[in-house]
C-alpha atoms as a PDB file:
ATOM      1  CA  MET A   1     264.817  10.505 -72.306  1.00  0.00           C
ATOM      2  CA  ASN A   2     266.747  11.252 -75.489  1.00  0.00           C
ATOM      3  CA  ASN A   3     270.282   9.757 -75.333  1.00  0.00           C
ATOM      4  CA  ASN A   4     271.910  12.974 -76.598  1.00  0.00           C
ATOM      5  CA  PHE A   5     270.039  15.061 -74.033  1.00  0.00           C
ATOM      6  CA  GLU A   6     270.811  12.569 -71.293  1.00  0.00           C
ATOM      7  CA  SER A   7     274.472  12.483 -72.247  1.00  0.00           C
ATOM      8  CA  SER A   8     274.711  16.284 -72.339  1.00  0.00           C
ATOM      9  CA  PHE A   9     272.760  16.645 -69.081  1.00  0.00           C
ATOM     10  CA  LEU A  10     274.886  14.099 -67.208  1.00  0.00           C
ATOM     11  CA  LYS A  11     278.097  15.571 -68.604  1.00  0.00           C
ATOM     12  CA  LYS A  12     277.122  18.981 -67.209  1.00  0.00           C
ATOM     13  CA  LYS A  13     276.188  17.451 -63.843  1.00  0.00           C
ATOM     14  CA  LYS A  14     279.577  15.725 -63.591  1.00  0.00           C
ATOM     15  CA  LYS A  15     281.426  18.922 -64.505  1.00  0.00           C
ATOM     16  CA  ILE A  16     279.528  20.972 -61.926  1.00  0.00           C
ATOM     17  CA  LYS A  17     280.046  18.361 -59.195  1.00  0.00           C
ATOM     18  CA  VAL A  18     283.809  18.372 -59.844  1.00  0.00           C
ATOM     19  CA  GLU A  19     283.945  22.189 -59.831  1.00  0.00           C
ATOM     20  CA  VAL A  20     281.948  22.435 -56.590  1.00  0.00           C
ATOM     21  CA  ALA A  21     284.148  19.828 -54.888  1.00  0.00           C
ATOM     22  CA  LEU A  22     287.321  21.662 -55.872  1.00  0.00           C
ATOM     23  CA  PHE A  23     285.992  25.106 -54.960  1.00  0.00           C
ATOM     24  CA  TYR A  24     284.803  24.052 -51.500  1.00  0.00           C
ATOM     25  CA  ARG A  25     287.745  21.676 -50.974  1.00  0.00           C
ATOM     26  CA  PHE A  26     285.556  18.619 -50.568  1.00  0.00           C
ATOM     27  CA  ASP A  27     287.345  15.298 -50.222  1.00  0.00           C
ATOM     28  CA  GLY A  28     284.917  13.940 -52.807  1.00  0.00           C
ATOM     29  CA  TRP A  29     281.298  12.858 -53.006  1.00  0.00           C
ATOM     30  CA  LEU A  30     279.001  10.421 -51.248  1.00  0.00           C
ATOM     31  CA  ILE A  31     276.409   9.389 -53.804  1.00  0.00           C
ATOM     32  CA  ASN A  32     273.268   7.888 -52.239  1.00  0.00           C
ATOM     33  CA  ILE A  33     270.861   6.471 -54.804  1.00  0.00           C
ATOM     34  CA  GLU A  34     267.598   4.937 -53.676  1.00  0.00           C
ATOM     35  CA  THR A  35     265.222   4.443 -56.549  1.00  0.00           C
ATOM     36  CA  HIS A  36     263.148   2.076 -58.628  1.00  0.00           C
ATOM     37  CA  LEU A  37     264.707   1.302 -61.988  1.00  0.00           C
ATOM     38  CA  LYS A  38     262.796   0.421 -65.126  1.00  0.00           C
ATOM     39  CA  ASP A  39     265.435  -1.793 -66.691  1.00  0.00           C
ATOM     40  CA  GLN A  40     269.094  -2.732 -66.975  1.00  0.00           C
ATOM     41  CA  ASP A  41     269.809   0.334 -69.149  1.00  0.00           C
ATOM     42  CA  HIS A  42     268.941   2.639 -66.267  1.00  0.00           C
ATOM     43  CA  ALA A  43     271.183   0.657 -63.912  1.00  0.00           C
ATOM     44  CA  ASP A  44     274.011   0.784 -66.453  1.00  0.00           C
ATOM     45  CA  SER A  45     273.559   4.562 -66.835  1.00  0.00           C
ATOM     46  CA  MET A  46     273.870   5.067 -63.087  1.00  0.00           C
ATOM     47  CA  ILE A  47     276.944   2.858 -62.877  1.00  0.00           C
ATOM     48  CA  ASN A  48     278.495   4.726 -65.803  1.00  0.00           C
ATOM     49  CA  PHE A  49     277.710   8.121 -64.232  1.00  0.00           C
ATOM     50  CA  VAL A  50     279.433   7.200 -60.960  1.00  0.00           C
ATOM     51  CA  ALA A  51     282.438   5.713 -62.782  1.00  0.00           C
ATOM     52  CA  GLN A  52     282.853   8.826 -64.942  1.00  0.00           C
ATOM     53  CA  LEU A  53     282.443  11.153 -61.963  1.00  0.00           C
ATOM     54  CA  THR A  54     285.135   9.189 -60.120  1.00  0.00           C
ATOM     55  CA  ARG A  55     287.481   9.425 -63.101  1.00  0.00           C
ATOM     56  CA  LYS A  56     286.897  13.195 -63.482  1.00  0.00           C
ATOM     57  CA  MET A  57     287.454  13.770 -59.765  1.00  0.00           C
ATOM     58  CA  HIS A  58     290.716  11.787 -59.866  1.00  0.00           C
ATOM     59  CA  GLU A  59     291.916  13.808 -62.866  1.00  0.00           C
ATOM     60  CA  LYS A  60     291.648  16.987 -60.765  1.00  0.00           C
ATOM     61  CA  ASP A  61     292.522  15.496 -57.370  1.00  0.00           C
ATOM     62  CA  PRO A  62     294.032  11.994 -57.353  1.00  0.00           C
ATOM     63  CA  GLU A  63     293.297  11.642 -53.630  1.00  0.00           C
ATOM     64  CA  SER A  64     289.578  12.435 -53.949  1.00  0.00           C
ATOM     65  CA  LEU A  65     286.931   9.857 -53.108  1.00  0.00           C
ATOM     66  CA  VAL A  66     283.612   9.023 -54.702  1.00  0.00           C
ATOM     67  CA  ILE A  67     281.655   6.636 -52.527  1.00  0.00           C
ATOM     68  CA  TRP A  68     278.484   5.153 -53.934  1.00  0.00           C
ATOM     69  CA  PHE A  69     275.835   3.884 -51.558  1.00  0.00           C
ATOM     70  CA  GLU A  70     272.930   2.483 -53.499  1.00  0.00           C
ATOM     71  CA  PHE A  71     269.723   0.636 -53.076  1.00  0.00           C
ATOM     72  CA  PHE A  72     267.746   0.091 -56.196  1.00  0.00           C
ATOM     73  CA  PHE A  73     265.755  -2.699 -57.666  1.00  0.00           C
ATOM     74  CA  PHE A  74     263.916  -3.722 -60.769  1.00  0.00           C
ATOM     75  CA  LEU A  75     260.192  -4.004 -60.298  1.00  0.00           C
ATOM     76  CA  LYS A  76     259.716  -6.597 -63.044  1.00  0.00           C
ATOM     77  CA  LYS A  77     262.561  -8.904 -62.089  1.00  0.00           C
ATOM     78  CA  ASN A  78     262.564  -8.396 -58.315  1.00  0.00           C
ATOM     79  CA  LEU A  79     266.315  -8.048 -58.573  1.00  0.00           C
ATOM     80  CA  LEU A  80     267.918  -6.299 -55.601  1.00  0.00           C
ATOM     81  CA  PHE A  81     271.308  -4.607 -55.702  1.00  0.00           C
END
């Protein structure tokens, strides 16, 4: 995926998630990720997405929560997180 497209796409997803949480008065988000990752870059992108979502949520509601439950692994390295 093109980095500019990915960046723009993820930025929109974060914005929408924050807006939905505020509109419906959610306490935050539970992010459940269960997937196979190709490489460390994909893992880093997911970590970055959750960190940025948390920061954006806290900007709008300092008491909000973003909880990340994950299970993913690299097929080539057999590395489990």
